[in-house]
Amino acid sequence: MTKPLEKLRKRMHLDRDQAWLFGVCAGLANYWHTDPAIVRVGVVVSGLFITKVAIACYLVAWLLLDDRPRDRVSSDRDS
């Protein structure tokens, strides 16, 4: 695996605790330090205009990203 992808996978994870479907939008929201609803709205709006690309990106992110480690969940919520 390439080094940039490894760095990204260390910082970005799926968030199954706040997930609606697979946790991709919640994981992106945690990575960007924003509300998951904002990311979900962005995904839905982009899905309206570029449906196949949005679905493909979502599925690729779901396949590439790992679940969030449990020890990082408590430390991220405390700060």
Protein backbone atom coordinates (compact mmCIF):
# COMPACT_ATOMS: atom_id res chain seq x y z
CA MET A 1 0.00 0.00 0.00
CA THR A 2 1.22 3.51 -0.74
CA LYS A 3 2.43 5.75 2.05
CA PRO A 4 -0.17 8.55 1.61
CA LEU A 5 -2.97 5.99 1.82
CA GLU A 6 -1.43 4.47 4.94
CA LYS A 7 -1.23 7.90 6.60
CA LEU A 8 -4.85 8.60 5.70
CA ARG A 9 -6.04 5.25 7.06
CA LYS A 10 -4.26 5.93 10.38
CA ARG A 11 -6.16 9.22 10.82
CA MET A 12 -9.53 8.46 9.19
CA HIS A 13 -11.80 5.66 10.39
CA LEU A 14 -15.37 4.49 10.10
CA ASP A 15 -17.48 5.59 13.05
CA ARG A 16 -20.05 2.86 13.74
CA ASP A 17 -21.31 4.59 16.91
CA GLN A 18 -22.81 7.51 14.95
CA ALA A 19 -23.42 5.58 11.74
CA TRP A 20 -26.64 5.52 9.75
CA LEU A 21 -25.47 3.07 7.11
CA PHE A 22 -21.79 2.06 7.29
CA GLY A 23 -20.23 4.95 9.20
CA VAL A 24 -18.46 6.63 6.28
CA CYS A 25 -20.09 10.05 6.71
CA ALA A 26 -19.66 9.96 10.50
CA GLY A 27 -16.00 9.02 10.06
CA LEU A 28 -15.44 11.86 7.59
CA ALA A 29 -17.16 14.25 10.00
CA ASN A 30 -14.83 13.16 12.80
CA TYR A 31 -11.83 13.61 10.53
CA TRP A 32 -12.96 17.12 9.54
CA HIS A 33 -14.14 17.99 13.11
CA THR A 34 -17.67 18.82 11.98
CA ASP A 35 -21.23 17.58 12.48
CA PRO A 36 -22.09 14.31 10.68
CA ALA A 37 -25.36 15.84 9.44
CA ILE A 38 -23.40 18.35 7.33
CA VAL A 39 -21.42 15.58 5.67
CA ARG A 40 -24.57 13.52 5.10
CA VAL A 41 -26.31 16.46 3.43
CA GLY A 42 -23.27 16.95 1.21
CA VAL A 43 -23.29 13.30 0.20
CA VAL A 44 -27.03 13.39 -0.59
CA VAL A 45 -26.73 16.59 -2.63
CA SER A 46 -23.76 15.25 -4.57
CA GLY A 47 -25.67 12.01 -5.05
CA LEU A 48 -28.50 13.92 -6.70
CA PHE A 49 -26.21 15.34 -9.37
CA ILE A 50 -23.51 12.69 -9.79
CA THR A 51 -25.20 9.56 -8.49
CA LYS A 52 -22.82 6.89 -9.78
CA VAL A 53 -19.70 8.75 -8.65
CA ALA A 54 -21.13 9.46 -5.18
CA ILE A 55 -22.16 5.82 -4.69
CA ALA A 56 -18.79 4.58 -5.97
CA CYS A 57 -16.84 6.93 -3.67
CA TYR A 58 -18.96 5.94 -0.68
CA LEU A 59 -18.45 2.23 -1.31
CA VAL A 60 -14.71 2.62 -1.90
CA ALA A 61 -14.37 4.56 1.35
CA TRP A 62 -16.36 1.86 3.17
CA LEU A 63 -14.08 -0.84 1.78
CA LEU A 64 -10.78 0.97 2.41
CA LEU A 65 -11.37 2.45 5.86
CA ASP A 66 -11.14 0.43 9.06
CA ASP A 67 -13.39 0.63 12.10
CA ARG A 68 -12.38 3.22 14.65
CA PRO A 69 -10.27 1.74 17.44
CA ARG A 70 -12.17 1.77 20.75
CA ASP A 71 -9.36 3.49 22.69
CA ARG A 72 -9.50 6.52 20.34
CA VAL A 73 -13.26 6.92 20.73
CA SER A 74 -13.12 7.95 24.37
CA SER A 75 -10.11 10.23 23.91
CA ASP A 76 -11.69 12.05 20.93
CA ARG A 77 -14.96 12.68 22.76
CA ASP A 78 -13.23 14.02 25.86
CA SER A 79 -11.43 16.77 23.97
